[in-house]
Amino acid sequence: FDLQVEFNPAADPVDVPALQPKGFYRFEQPADAVSFTDSSVTARPFTAAAAPANPVIFRDEGQRSSALRFDGGDYAEMSGGPEVFTGDFSFSIWINPSTTNDGQVFFSKHSPTGANRFLCQFLNNSYHFRLGGISFNTGTGLKKTGWQHLAVTGRKSGANTDIVFWRDGAVLGTTTLTAVTAGNFTGLPWLLG
């Protein structure tokens, strides 16, 4: 009996244009790239920052996708990214942390003075989410290392925003953030890492 398995680089099974995301990043550029292509219709690239320690693209053997690898002193930036503060939203990201140390930021958006307006990170021994200056922790003891898919959904209800925080398809926590203020952050960059 002989079995051979090989990677099939067929077309993506997801019809990205039909989903109409504000951004969709595959990180399929060469390993030394400093600009990362957006596959959505908005076509906003992320750009590596904090040279010379830029994040690098790496590929896991046997995996379909590529990812950015950060070393703790680097990040990628998307200038003029979409705003999420005025209505319903969802945001998802695959992460692969090697530790569960607090302070690891996965994605963020700041005010002109540097205040965290939209943030997802490890903090207070939990997954921590911040929207418009109001914070939410999923609960202690839930952080883990290794590949995981994080998603945050928000549904506006008057001045409040109902938040659901997901990891690998399971709900880690829900809350209602009251009186979330949008502010004017149009044109300010989104950050990865």
N, C-alpha and C. Protein backbone atom coordinates (compact mmCIF):
# COMPACT_ATOMS: atom_id res chain seq x y z
N PHE A 1 0.84 -1.18 0.00
CA PHE A 1 0.00 0.00 0.00
C PHE A 1 0.88 1.23 0.00
N ASP A 2 0.66 2.14 -0.93
CA ASP A 2 1.45 3.36 -1.04
C ASP A 2 0.50 4.55 -1.00
N LEU A 3 0.80 5.52 -0.15
CA LEU A 3 -0.03 6.71 -0.03
C LEU A 3 0.84 7.93 -0.22
N GLN A 4 0.41 8.81 -1.10
CA GLN A 4 1.14 10.05 -1.32
C GLN A 4 0.18 11.20 -1.09
N VAL A 5 0.61 12.17 -0.29
CA VAL A 5 -0.20 13.34 0.00
C VAL A 5 0.57 14.56 -0.46
N GLU A 6 -0.10 15.43 -1.14
CA GLU A 6 0.57 16.66 -1.58
C GLU A 6 -0.38 17.83 -1.46
N PHE A 7 0.21 18.99 -1.29
CA PHE A 7 -0.57 20.22 -1.17
C PHE A 7 -1.17 20.59 -2.52
N ASN A 8 -2.45 20.90 -2.54
CA ASN A 8 -3.12 21.29 -3.77
C ASN A 8 -3.33 22.80 -3.75
N PRO A 9 -2.57 23.55 -4.55
CA PRO A 9 -2.70 25.00 -4.55
C PRO A 9 -3.90 25.46 -5.38
N ALA A 10 -5.05 24.87 -5.14
CA ALA A 10 -6.25 25.24 -5.89
C ALA A 10 -6.72 26.63 -5.49
N ALA A 11 -7.66 27.11 -6.23
CA ALA A 11 -8.21 28.43 -5.92
C ALA A 11 -8.78 28.44 -4.50
N ASP A 12 -8.78 29.61 -3.89
CA ASP A 12 -9.30 29.76 -2.53
C ASP A 12 -10.75 29.32 -2.48
N PRO A 13 -11.13 28.47 -1.51
CA PRO A 13 -12.51 28.03 -1.43
C PRO A 13 -13.47 29.11 -0.93
N VAL A 14 -12.93 30.23 -0.47
CA VAL A 14 -13.76 31.33 0.03
C VAL A 14 -13.93 32.37 -1.07
N ASP A 15 -15.15 32.74 -1.35
CA ASP A 15 -15.43 33.79 -2.34
C ASP A 15 -15.31 35.14 -1.63
N VAL A 16 -14.08 35.65 -1.53
CA VAL A 16 -13.81 36.87 -0.78
C VAL A 16 -14.63 38.06 -1.27
N PRO A 17 -14.71 38.33 -2.58
CA PRO A 17 -15.52 39.48 -3.01
C PRO A 17 -16.98 39.40 -2.56
N ALA A 18 -17.55 38.20 -2.50
CA ALA A 18 -18.95 38.06 -2.08
C ALA A 18 -19.14 38.42 -0.62
N LEU A 19 -18.10 38.21 0.20
CA LEU A 19 -18.18 38.55 1.62
C LEU A 19 -18.07 40.05 1.88
N GLN A 20 -17.49 40.77 0.96
CA GLN A 20 -17.29 42.22 1.03
C GLN A 20 -16.59 42.67 2.32
N PRO A 21 -15.45 42.04 2.68
CA PRO A 21 -14.76 42.49 3.89
C PRO A 21 -14.08 43.84 3.67
N LYS A 22 -13.84 44.55 4.75
CA LYS A 22 -13.10 45.82 4.68
C LYS A 22 -11.62 45.57 4.47
N GLY A 23 -11.15 44.36 4.78
CA GLY A 23 -9.77 43.99 4.58
C GLY A 23 -9.63 42.48 4.65
N PHE A 24 -8.73 41.90 3.83
CA PHE A 24 -8.49 40.46 3.82
C PHE A 24 -7.05 40.25 3.39
N TYR A 25 -6.21 39.78 4.32
CA TYR A 25 -4.77 39.70 4.10
C TYR A 25 -4.31 38.26 4.11
N ARG A 26 -3.64 37.82 3.02
CA ARG A 26 -3.17 36.45 2.88
C ARG A 26 -1.67 36.32 3.18
N PHE A 27 -0.92 37.39 3.13
CA PHE A 27 0.53 37.40 3.38
C PHE A 27 1.24 36.40 2.48
N GLU A 28 0.97 36.50 1.19
CA GLU A 28 1.56 35.59 0.21
C GLU A 28 2.76 36.20 -0.52
N GLN A 29 3.24 37.35 -0.07
CA GLN A 29 4.39 37.97 -0.69
C GLN A 29 5.66 37.22 -0.28
N PRO A 30 6.81 37.57 -0.88
CA PRO A 30 8.07 36.94 -0.48
C PRO A 30 8.37 37.21 1.00
N ALA A 31 9.21 36.37 1.60
CA ALA A 31 9.51 36.45 3.03
C ALA A 31 10.08 37.80 3.46
N ASP A 32 10.78 38.50 2.57
CA ASP A 32 11.39 39.78 2.94
C ASP A 32 10.54 40.99 2.55
N ALA A 33 9.28 40.77 2.23
CA ALA A 33 8.40 41.87 1.82
C ALA A 33 8.18 42.84 2.98
N VAL A 34 7.94 44.10 2.64
CA VAL A 34 7.62 45.11 3.66
C VAL A 34 6.25 45.73 3.43
N SER A 35 5.55 45.30 2.37
CA SER A 35 4.18 45.73 2.11
C SER A 35 3.34 44.47 1.84
N PHE A 36 2.16 44.41 2.47
CA PHE A 36 1.36 43.20 2.44
C PHE A 36 0.01 43.50 1.81
N THR A 37 -0.33 42.79 0.76
CA THR A 37 -1.46 43.07 -0.10
C THR A 37 -2.79 42.73 0.55
N ASP A 38 -3.77 43.59 0.33
CA ASP A 38 -5.15 43.39 0.76
C ASP A 38 -5.89 42.74 -0.41
N SER A 39 -6.52 41.58 -0.17
CA SER A 39 -7.26 40.89 -1.23
C SER A 39 -8.72 41.32 -1.32
N SER A 40 -9.14 42.27 -0.48
CA SER A 40 -10.52 42.75 -0.54
C SER A 40 -10.66 43.83 -1.61
N VAL A 41 -11.87 44.28 -1.84
CA VAL A 41 -12.10 45.30 -2.86
C VAL A 41 -11.53 46.66 -2.46
N THR A 42 -11.28 46.87 -1.15
CA THR A 42 -10.74 48.16 -0.72
C THR A 42 -9.25 48.29 -1.00
N ALA A 43 -8.54 47.17 -1.08
CA ALA A 43 -7.12 47.11 -1.45
C ALA A 43 -6.25 48.07 -0.64
N ARG A 44 -6.33 47.97 0.70
CA ARG A 44 -5.48 48.78 1.58
C ARG A 44 -4.33 47.91 2.07
N PRO A 45 -3.10 48.19 1.68
CA PRO A 45 -1.98 47.34 2.12
C PRO A 45 -1.56 47.65 3.56
N PHE A 46 -1.03 46.63 4.25
CA PHE A 46 -0.32 46.83 5.50
C PHE A 46 1.13 47.03 5.13
N THR A 47 1.84 47.88 5.89
CA THR A 47 3.25 48.14 5.64
C THR A 47 4.01 47.84 6.92
N ALA A 48 5.14 47.14 6.80
CA ALA A 48 5.98 46.85 7.96
C ALA A 48 6.56 48.15 8.50
N ALA A 49 6.68 48.22 9.80
CA ALA A 49 7.25 49.40 10.45
C ALA A 49 8.31 48.95 11.44
N ALA A 50 8.99 49.91 12.03
CA ALA A 50 10.02 49.68 13.05
C ALA A 50 11.22 48.92 12.49
N ALA A 51 11.69 49.32 11.30
CA ALA A 51 12.89 48.72 10.73
C ALA A 51 14.05 48.96 11.70
N PRO A 52 15.06 48.10 11.78
CA PRO A 52 15.29 46.98 10.88
C PRO A 52 14.62 45.68 11.32
N ALA A 53 13.90 45.68 12.44
CA ALA A 53 13.30 44.44 12.94
C ALA A 53 11.87 44.28 12.42
N ASN A 54 11.71 44.31 11.11
CA ASN A 54 10.38 44.19 10.52
C ASN A 54 9.82 42.79 10.72
N PRO A 55 8.47 42.69 10.78
CA PRO A 55 7.89 41.34 10.79
C PRO A 55 8.21 40.67 9.46
N VAL A 56 8.31 39.36 9.47
CA VAL A 56 8.62 38.62 8.24
C VAL A 56 7.51 37.63 7.95
N ILE A 57 7.33 37.32 6.69
CA ILE A 57 6.35 36.32 6.27
C ILE A 57 6.97 34.94 6.44
N PHE A 58 6.21 34.03 7.01
CA PHE A 58 6.68 32.66 7.09
C PHE A 58 5.55 31.73 6.72
N ARG A 59 5.92 30.53 6.32
CA ARG A 59 4.95 29.52 5.91
C ARG A 59 5.20 28.26 6.72
N ASP A 60 4.15 27.72 7.33
CA ASP A 60 4.25 26.43 8.00
C ASP A 60 4.14 25.35 6.93
N GLU A 61 5.04 24.38 6.97
CA GLU A 61 4.97 23.27 6.02
C GLU A 61 3.62 22.57 6.16
N GLY A 62 2.99 22.30 5.04
CA GLY A 62 1.72 21.60 5.03
C GLY A 62 0.50 22.48 5.26
N GLN A 63 0.72 23.76 5.52
CA GLN A 63 -0.40 24.67 5.74
C GLN A 63 -0.72 25.39 4.45
N ARG A 64 -1.96 25.79 4.32
CA ARG A 64 -2.41 26.47 3.11
C ARG A 64 -1.95 27.92 3.06
N SER A 65 -1.82 28.55 4.21
CA SER A 65 -1.62 29.99 4.26
C SER A 65 -0.25 30.38 4.78
N SER A 66 0.01 31.66 4.69
CA SER A 66 1.21 32.28 5.23
C SER A 66 0.79 33.20 6.37
N ALA A 67 1.77 33.67 7.11
CA ALA A 67 1.48 34.56 8.24
C ALA A 67 2.65 35.51 8.43
N LEU A 68 2.42 36.55 9.23
CA LEU A 68 3.51 37.43 9.64
C LEU A 68 4.06 36.93 10.97
N ARG A 69 5.37 36.98 11.13
CA ARG A 69 6.02 36.62 12.39
C ARG A 69 6.58 37.91 13.00
N PHE A 70 6.19 38.16 14.25
CA PHE A 70 6.65 39.33 14.97
C PHE A 70 7.60 38.89 16.09
N ASP A 71 8.58 39.74 16.41
CA ASP A 71 9.54 39.38 17.46
C ASP A 71 9.37 40.20 18.73
N GLY A 72 8.33 41.02 18.79
CA GLY A 72 8.09 41.83 19.98
C GLY A 72 8.51 43.27 19.84
N GLY A 73 9.35 43.60 18.87
CA GLY A 73 9.78 44.97 18.67
C GLY A 73 9.35 45.51 17.31
N ASP A 74 8.41 44.86 16.67
CA ASP A 74 8.01 45.25 15.32
C ASP A 74 6.50 45.22 15.20
N TYR A 75 6.01 45.78 14.11
CA TYR A 75 4.57 45.79 13.86
C TYR A 75 4.34 46.10 12.38
N ALA A 76 3.11 45.92 11.95
CA ALA A 76 2.71 46.30 10.59
C ALA A 76 1.58 47.30 10.73
N GLU A 77 1.51 48.22 9.79
CA GLU A 77 0.57 49.34 9.87
C GLU A 77 -0.24 49.47 8.59
N MET A 78 -1.54 49.72 8.74
CA MET A 78 -2.40 50.00 7.60
C MET A 78 -2.91 51.43 7.76
N SER A 79 -2.43 52.32 6.92
CA SER A 79 -2.85 53.72 6.99
C SER A 79 -4.24 53.88 6.42
N GLY A 80 -5.02 54.76 7.04
CA GLY A 80 -6.34 55.08 6.52
C GLY A 80 -7.30 53.92 6.53
N GLY A 81 -7.18 53.03 7.50
CA GLY A 81 -8.01 51.85 7.55
C GLY A 81 -9.46 52.15 7.88
N PRO A 82 -10.33 51.16 7.72
CA PRO A 82 -11.75 51.35 7.96
C PRO A 82 -12.06 51.62 9.43
N GLU A 83 -13.14 52.32 9.67
CA GLU A 83 -13.60 52.60 11.03
C GLU A 83 -14.64 51.56 11.42
N VAL A 84 -14.70 51.23 12.71
CA VAL A 84 -15.68 50.25 13.17
C VAL A 84 -16.53 50.79 14.30
N PHE A 85 -16.38 52.03 14.64
CA PHE A 85 -16.99 52.54 15.86
C PHE A 85 -18.43 52.99 15.70
N THR A 86 -18.92 53.13 14.50
CA THR A 86 -20.23 53.74 14.31
C THR A 86 -21.35 52.75 14.08
N GLY A 87 -21.08 51.47 13.90
CA GLY A 87 -22.15 50.50 13.64
C GLY A 87 -21.71 49.10 14.00
N ASP A 88 -22.44 48.10 13.49
CA ASP A 88 -22.10 46.70 13.71
C ASP A 88 -20.76 46.39 13.04
N PHE A 89 -20.00 45.44 13.61
CA PHE A 89 -18.72 45.09 13.02
C PHE A 89 -18.35 43.67 13.42
N SER A 90 -17.38 43.12 12.70
CA SER A 90 -16.71 41.89 13.11
C SER A 90 -15.26 42.01 12.70
N PHE A 91 -14.41 41.39 13.47
CA PHE A 91 -12.98 41.42 13.22
C PHE A 91 -12.45 40.05 13.60
N SER A 92 -11.65 39.44 12.72
CA SER A 92 -11.07 38.14 13.07
C SER A 92 -9.62 38.10 12.65
N ILE A 93 -8.87 37.28 13.36
CA ILE A 93 -7.44 37.17 13.11
C ILE A 93 -6.96 35.81 13.61
N TRP A 94 -6.03 35.21 12.89
CA TRP A 94 -5.34 34.01 13.35
C TRP A 94 -4.08 34.47 14.06
N ILE A 95 -3.83 33.94 15.26
CA ILE A 95 -2.62 34.27 16.00
C ILE A 95 -1.93 32.98 16.42
N ASN A 96 -0.64 33.08 16.73
CA ASN A 96 0.15 31.92 17.16
C ASN A 96 1.15 32.36 18.23
N PRO A 97 0.65 32.78 19.40
CA PRO A 97 1.58 33.25 20.43
C PRO A 97 2.39 32.10 21.02
N SER A 98 3.68 32.35 21.29
CA SER A 98 4.53 31.32 21.88
C SER A 98 4.49 31.37 23.41
N THR A 99 3.97 32.47 23.97
CA THR A 99 3.79 32.59 25.41
C THR A 99 2.42 33.22 25.67
N THR A 100 2.01 33.21 26.93
CA THR A 100 0.76 33.88 27.31
C THR A 100 1.06 35.11 28.16
N ASN A 101 2.26 35.66 28.01
CA ASN A 101 2.64 36.85 28.77
C ASN A 101 1.71 38.01 28.46
N ASP A 102 1.32 38.73 29.52
CA ASP A 102 0.51 39.93 29.33
C ASP A 102 1.25 40.96 28.49
N GLY A 103 0.48 41.81 27.80
CA GLY A 103 1.06 42.90 27.02
C GLY A 103 1.23 42.59 25.55
N GLN A 104 0.99 41.35 25.11
CA GLN A 104 1.10 41.03 23.69
C GLN A 104 -0.13 41.59 22.97
N VAL A 105 0.08 42.51 22.05
CA VAL A 105 -1.02 43.15 21.32
C VAL A 105 -1.15 42.48 19.96
N PHE A 106 -2.38 42.09 19.60
CA PHE A 106 -2.61 41.42 18.33
C PHE A 106 -3.05 42.41 17.26
N PHE A 107 -3.97 43.31 17.59
CA PHE A 107 -4.35 44.39 16.67
C PHE A 107 -4.83 45.57 17.48
N SER A 108 -4.69 46.77 16.89
CA SER A 108 -5.08 47.97 17.63
C SER A 108 -5.27 49.15 16.69
N LYS A 109 -5.92 50.14 17.22
CA LYS A 109 -6.08 51.45 16.57
C LYS A 109 -6.07 52.47 17.69
N HIS A 110 -5.33 53.56 17.51
CA HIS A 110 -5.14 54.54 18.57
C HIS A 110 -5.72 55.90 18.19
N SER A 111 -5.91 56.73 19.19
CA SER A 111 -6.33 58.12 18.96
C SER A 111 -5.12 58.94 18.54
N PRO A 112 -5.32 60.20 18.12
CA PRO A 112 -4.17 61.03 17.76
C PRO A 112 -3.18 61.22 18.91
N THR A 113 -3.64 61.07 20.17
CA THR A 113 -2.75 61.22 21.33
C THR A 113 -2.17 59.89 21.79
N GLY A 114 -2.51 58.79 21.11
CA GLY A 114 -1.96 57.48 21.45
C GLY A 114 -2.84 56.63 22.34
N ALA A 115 -4.04 57.11 22.70
CA ALA A 115 -4.94 56.31 23.53
C ALA A 115 -5.48 55.13 22.73
N ASN A 116 -5.67 53.99 23.40
CA ASN A 116 -6.19 52.80 22.75
C ASN A 116 -7.69 52.97 22.49
N ARG A 117 -8.08 52.96 21.22
CA ARG A 117 -9.49 53.09 20.85
C ARG A 117 -10.09 51.77 20.42
N PHE A 118 -9.28 50.88 19.87
CA PHE A 118 -9.71 49.54 19.47
C PHE A 118 -8.50 48.66 19.68
N LEU A 119 -8.63 47.61 20.50
CA LEU A 119 -7.46 46.85 20.90
C LEU A 119 -7.84 45.43 21.27
N CYS A 120 -7.00 44.47 20.90
CA CYS A 120 -7.13 43.09 21.34
C CYS A 120 -5.74 42.62 21.75
N GLN A 121 -5.64 42.09 22.98
CA GLN A 121 -4.33 41.70 23.51
C GLN A 121 -4.48 40.72 24.66
N PHE A 122 -3.34 40.21 25.17
CA PHE A 122 -3.30 39.51 26.44
C PHE A 122 -3.08 40.56 27.53
N LEU A 123 -3.95 40.61 28.53
CA LEU A 123 -3.80 41.56 29.63
C LEU A 123 -4.59 41.05 30.82
N ASN A 124 -4.08 41.27 32.02
CA ASN A 124 -4.74 40.85 33.25
C ASN A 124 -5.04 39.35 33.25
N ASN A 125 -4.10 38.57 32.73
CA ASN A 125 -4.22 37.11 32.65
C ASN A 125 -5.45 36.65 31.87
N SER A 126 -5.87 37.45 30.87
CA SER A 126 -7.02 37.08 30.04
C SER A 126 -6.86 37.70 28.66
N TYR A 127 -7.80 37.37 27.78
CA TYR A 127 -7.92 38.09 26.51
C TYR A 127 -8.59 39.42 26.86
N HIS A 128 -8.06 40.48 26.34
CA HIS A 128 -8.53 41.82 26.68
C HIS A 128 -8.95 42.52 25.39
N PHE A 129 -10.11 43.14 25.42
CA PHE A 129 -10.63 43.87 24.26
C PHE A 129 -11.02 45.27 24.72
N ARG A 130 -10.74 46.25 23.88
CA ARG A 130 -11.07 47.64 24.19
C ARG A 130 -11.71 48.28 22.98
N LEU A 131 -12.82 48.95 23.18
CA LEU A 131 -13.53 49.66 22.11
C LEU A 131 -13.89 51.05 22.60
N GLY A 132 -13.42 52.06 21.88
CA GLY A 132 -13.78 53.44 22.19
C GLY A 132 -13.48 53.85 23.61
N GLY A 133 -12.41 53.31 24.19
CA GLY A 133 -12.02 53.70 25.53
C GLY A 133 -12.63 52.86 26.64
N ILE A 134 -13.47 51.86 26.32
CA ILE A 134 -14.09 51.00 27.34
C ILE A 134 -13.56 49.58 27.16
N SER A 135 -13.15 48.95 28.27
CA SER A 135 -12.47 47.65 28.22
C SER A 135 -13.35 46.50 28.65
N PHE A 136 -12.93 45.29 28.21
CA PHE A 136 -13.62 44.05 28.53
C PHE A 136 -12.58 42.93 28.59
N ASN A 137 -12.56 42.15 29.69
CA ASN A 137 -11.70 40.98 29.81
C ASN A 137 -12.56 39.73 29.75
N THR A 138 -12.04 38.68 29.09
CA THR A 138 -12.82 37.45 28.92
C THR A 138 -12.85 36.59 30.17
N GLY A 139 -11.96 36.82 31.11
CA GLY A 139 -11.87 35.99 32.31
C GLY A 139 -10.49 35.37 32.41
N THR A 140 -10.02 35.15 33.61
CA THR A 140 -8.67 34.64 33.80
C THR A 140 -8.57 33.15 33.49
N GLY A 141 -7.35 32.74 33.18
CA GLY A 141 -7.08 31.33 32.93
C GLY A 141 -7.48 30.83 31.56
N LEU A 142 -7.89 31.71 30.66
CA LEU A 142 -8.35 31.28 29.34
C LEU A 142 -7.28 31.40 28.26
N LYS A 143 -6.21 32.15 28.53
CA LYS A 143 -5.18 32.35 27.50
C LYS A 143 -4.50 31.04 27.17
N LYS A 144 -4.08 30.91 25.90
CA LYS A 144 -3.33 29.72 25.50
C LYS A 144 -2.34 30.09 24.40
N THR A 145 -1.36 29.23 24.21
CA THR A 145 -0.38 29.41 23.14
C THR A 145 -0.82 28.60 21.93
N GLY A 146 -0.08 28.77 20.82
CA GLY A 146 -0.36 28.00 19.61
C GLY A 146 -1.39 28.68 18.72
N TRP A 147 -1.59 28.08 17.57
CA TRP A 147 -2.51 28.64 16.59
C TRP A 147 -3.92 28.70 17.15
N GLN A 148 -4.56 29.85 16.97
CA GLN A 148 -5.94 30.04 17.41
C GLN A 148 -6.58 31.15 16.58
N HIS A 149 -7.86 31.02 16.38
CA HIS A 149 -8.60 32.01 15.61
C HIS A 149 -9.41 32.85 16.59
N LEU A 150 -9.14 34.16 16.61
CA LEU A 150 -9.88 35.08 17.47
C LEU A 150 -10.83 35.89 16.62
N ALA A 151 -12.01 36.13 17.13
CA ALA A 151 -12.99 36.98 16.45
C ALA A 151 -13.72 37.80 17.50
N VAL A 152 -14.02 39.02 17.13
CA VAL A 152 -14.80 39.92 17.97
C VAL A 152 -15.93 40.46 17.11
N THR A 153 -17.15 40.35 17.63
CA THR A 153 -18.28 40.93 16.91
C THR A 153 -18.92 41.98 17.80
N GLY A 154 -19.42 43.01 17.16
CA GLY A 154 -20.10 44.08 17.89
C GLY A 154 -21.41 44.44 17.20
N ARG A 155 -22.45 44.58 17.98
CA ARG A 155 -23.76 44.99 17.46
C ARG A 155 -24.21 46.21 18.23
N LYS A 156 -24.43 47.31 17.49
CA LYS A 156 -24.87 48.56 18.11
C LYS A 156 -26.34 48.46 18.50
N SER A 157 -26.63 48.97 19.69
CA SER A 157 -27.99 49.06 20.19
C SER A 157 -28.11 50.39 20.92
N GLY A 158 -28.52 51.42 20.19
CA GLY A 158 -28.54 52.77 20.75
C GLY A 158 -27.13 53.24 21.00
N ALA A 159 -26.83 53.69 22.22
CA ALA A 159 -25.49 54.15 22.57
C ALA A 159 -24.59 52.99 23.01
N ASN A 160 -25.15 51.78 23.14
CA ASN A 160 -24.40 50.63 23.63
C ASN A 160 -23.92 49.76 22.47
N THR A 161 -22.92 48.92 22.77
CA THR A 161 -22.43 47.95 21.81
C THR A 161 -22.34 46.60 22.49
N ASP A 162 -23.09 45.61 21.98
CA ASP A 162 -23.04 44.25 22.50
C ASP A 162 -21.85 43.54 21.86
N ILE A 163 -20.93 43.04 22.69
CA ILE A 163 -19.69 42.44 22.24
C ILE A 163 -19.72 40.94 22.50
N VAL A 164 -19.27 40.16 21.53
CA VAL A 164 -19.04 38.73 21.71
C VAL A 164 -17.60 38.47 21.30
N PHE A 165 -16.84 37.81 22.18
CA PHE A 165 -15.44 37.48 21.93
C PHE A 165 -15.35 35.96 21.73
N TRP A 166 -14.78 35.55 20.59
CA TRP A 166 -14.72 34.14 20.19
C TRP A 166 -13.27 33.68 20.11
N ARG A 167 -13.03 32.41 20.43
CA ARG A 167 -11.74 31.76 20.15
C ARG A 167 -12.05 30.38 19.58
N ASP A 168 -11.55 30.13 18.39
CA ASP A 168 -11.73 28.84 17.72
C ASP A 168 -13.20 28.43 17.66
N GLY A 169 -14.07 29.39 17.40
CA GLY A 169 -15.49 29.13 17.23
C GLY A 169 -16.30 29.02 18.51
N ALA A 170 -15.65 29.12 19.66
CA ALA A 170 -16.35 29.05 20.95
C ALA A 170 -16.38 30.44 21.59
N VAL A 171 -17.50 30.78 22.18
CA VAL A 171 -17.62 32.08 22.85
C VAL A 171 -16.82 32.05 24.15
N LEU A 172 -15.88 33.02 24.29
CA LEU A 172 -15.11 33.16 25.52
C LEU A 172 -15.76 34.16 26.47
N GLY A 173 -16.54 35.07 25.93
CA GLY A 173 -17.17 36.06 26.78
C GLY A 173 -18.08 36.99 26.01
N THR A 174 -19.04 37.55 26.71
CA THR A 174 -19.94 38.54 26.13
C THR A 174 -20.10 39.68 27.12
N THR A 175 -20.38 40.85 26.61
CA THR A 175 -20.64 42.00 27.46
C THR A 175 -21.36 43.06 26.65
N THR A 176 -21.91 44.02 27.34
CA THR A 176 -22.45 45.21 26.70
C THR A 176 -21.62 46.39 27.14
N LEU A 177 -20.97 47.03 26.20
CA LEU A 177 -20.20 48.24 26.50
C LEU A 177 -21.15 49.41 26.38
N THR A 178 -21.27 50.19 27.44
CA THR A 178 -22.23 51.30 27.46
C THR A 178 -21.58 52.59 27.04
N ALA A 179 -22.34 53.38 26.34
CA ALA A 179 -21.93 54.74 25.94
C ALA A 179 -20.59 54.76 25.22
N VAL A 180 -20.42 53.85 24.26
CA VAL A 180 -19.20 53.84 23.45
C VAL A 180 -19.22 55.07 22.55
N THR A 181 -18.18 55.88 22.64
CA THR A 181 -18.09 57.08 21.80
C THR A 181 -17.13 56.81 20.66
N ALA A 182 -17.53 57.24 19.50
CA ALA A 182 -16.73 56.96 18.32
C ALA A 182 -15.48 57.81 18.27
N GLY A 183 -15.61 59.09 18.48
CA GLY A 183 -14.47 59.95 18.26
C GLY A 183 -14.20 60.06 16.78
N ASN A 184 -13.21 60.81 16.41
CA ASN A 184 -12.86 60.95 15.00
C ASN A 184 -11.48 60.36 14.78
N PHE A 185 -11.44 59.09 14.36
CA PHE A 185 -10.17 58.41 14.13
C PHE A 185 -10.01 58.01 12.68
N THR A 186 -10.84 58.58 11.80
CA THR A 186 -10.74 58.30 10.38
C THR A 186 -9.34 58.67 9.90
N GLY A 187 -8.75 57.76 9.15
CA GLY A 187 -7.43 58.04 8.58
C GLY A 187 -6.28 57.64 9.47
N LEU A 188 -6.53 57.36 10.76
CA LEU A 188 -5.44 56.92 11.62
C LEU A 188 -5.19 55.44 11.38
N PRO A 189 -3.94 54.98 11.53
CA PRO A 189 -3.60 53.62 11.12
C PRO A 189 -4.11 52.54 12.06
N TRP A 190 -4.32 51.35 11.48
CA TRP A 190 -4.52 50.11 12.22
C TRP A 190 -3.15 49.47 12.39
N LEU A 191 -2.93 48.78 13.50
CA LEU A 191 -1.64 48.15 13.76
C LEU A 191 -1.82 46.66 14.02
N LEU A 192 -0.94 45.85 13.47
CA LEU A 192 -0.83 44.43 13.79
C LEU A 192 0.47 44.25 14.55
N GLY A 193 0.44 43.54 15.65
CA GLY A 193 1.65 43.28 16.44
C GLY A 193 1.93 44.34 17.46
